[in-house]
Amino acid sequence: MNRSEILEKIGIILTSVLGHDNFELQENLSAKDVDGWDSLTHMIIITEIEAKFEVRFKLKELNKLNNMGNLLDLVSNKLAEK
């Protein structure tokens, strides 16, 4: 799965969890840039991503996420490990 396919699937998850698409899905997007993306929705988003891609993240991996680009890298790496 390529990076743009991963980004598209994550975008669908974000829109579903947040209930809106008032954000531009790009590499430097972070939670603070999106209305409604708080700590609770963050955990729901992460859980949905794990389920969709059939991967599991470690807490230390999640703590290193600063933006969408980091998340794409993490998902990509997890998929490569499968």
Protein backbone atom coordinates (compact mmCIF):
# COMPACT_ATOMS: atom_id res chain seq x y z
CA MET A 1 0.00 0.00 0.00
CA ASN A 2 1.47 3.34 -0.98
CA ARG A 3 1.57 6.54 1.05
CA SER A 4 -1.34 8.23 -0.74
CA GLU A 5 -3.57 5.18 -0.19
CA ILE A 6 -2.70 5.21 3.52
CA LEU A 7 -3.41 8.95 3.70
CA GLU A 8 -6.77 8.51 1.97
CA LYS A 9 -7.85 5.79 4.42
CA ILE A 10 -6.72 7.86 7.41
CA GLY A 11 -8.66 10.82 6.02
CA ILE A 12 -11.83 8.73 5.93
CA ILE A 13 -11.23 7.71 9.55
CA LEU A 14 -10.66 11.32 10.64
CA THR A 15 -13.82 12.52 8.92
CA SER A 16 -15.83 9.70 10.47
CA VAL A 17 -14.53 10.16 14.02
CA LEU A 18 -14.53 13.98 14.00
CA GLY A 19 -17.83 14.29 12.16
CA HIS A 20 -16.48 16.87 9.71
CA ASP A 21 -13.88 17.39 7.02
CA ASN A 22 -12.92 20.99 7.83
CA PHE A 23 -9.21 20.29 7.49
CA GLU A 24 -6.68 19.92 4.72
CA LEU A 25 -5.12 16.49 4.89
CA GLN A 26 -1.39 17.14 4.49
CA GLU A 27 1.90 15.96 6.00
CA ASN A 28 2.20 18.81 8.53
CA LEU A 29 -1.38 18.54 9.83
CA SER A 30 -1.51 18.07 13.59
CA ALA A 31 -4.29 17.61 16.12
CA LYS A 32 -4.09 21.24 17.25
CA ASP A 33 -4.99 22.32 13.69
CA VAL A 34 -8.31 20.44 13.64
CA ASP A 35 -11.50 21.39 15.49
CA GLY A 36 -12.66 18.61 17.79
CA TRP A 37 -9.41 16.65 17.75
CA ASP A 38 -8.78 16.35 21.47
CA SER A 39 -7.22 13.62 23.60
CA LEU A 40 -10.33 11.43 23.54
CA THR A 41 -10.88 11.65 19.79
CA HIS A 42 -7.15 11.08 19.33
CA MET A 43 -7.37 7.70 21.04
CA ILE A 44 -10.45 6.79 19.00
CA ILE A 45 -8.64 7.77 15.80
CA ILE A 46 -5.60 5.68 16.75
CA THR A 47 -7.81 2.69 17.63
CA GLU A 48 -9.65 2.99 14.30
CA ILE A 49 -6.34 3.19 12.40
CA GLU A 50 -5.04 0.09 14.19
CA ALA A 51 -8.22 -1.79 13.26
CA LYS A 52 -8.31 -0.61 9.64
CA PHE A 53 -4.67 -1.46 8.92
CA GLU A 54 -4.53 -4.46 11.29
CA VAL A 55 -1.51 -3.10 13.17
CA ARG A 56 -0.71 -2.31 16.80
CA PHE A 57 1.19 0.73 17.99
CA LYS A 58 3.38 0.90 21.06
CA LEU A 59 2.95 3.81 23.45
CA LYS A 60 6.49 5.03 22.80
CA GLU A 61 5.71 5.12 19.05
CA LEU A 62 2.56 7.16 19.64
CA ASN A 63 4.42 9.59 21.88
CA LYS A 64 6.74 10.45 18.98
CA LEU A 65 3.90 11.49 16.65
CA ASN A 66 3.91 15.21 15.91
CA ASN A 67 1.96 15.39 12.67
CA MET A 68 0.30 13.45 9.88
CA GLY A 69 3.64 12.80 8.19
CA ASN A 70 4.91 10.99 11.29
CA LEU A 71 1.70 8.95 11.43
CA LEU A 72 2.02 8.00 7.77
CA ASP A 73 5.62 6.88 8.38
CA LEU A 74 4.55 4.80 11.37
CA VAL A 75 1.68 3.08 9.56
CA SER A 76 3.88 2.48 6.52
CA ASN A 77 6.60 0.90 8.67
CA LYS A 78 4.08 -1.30 10.48
CA LEU A 79 2.63 -2.51 7.19
CA ALA A 80 6.13 -3.31 5.93
CA GLU A 81 6.75 -5.45 9.03
CA LYS A 82 3.73 -7.66 8.32
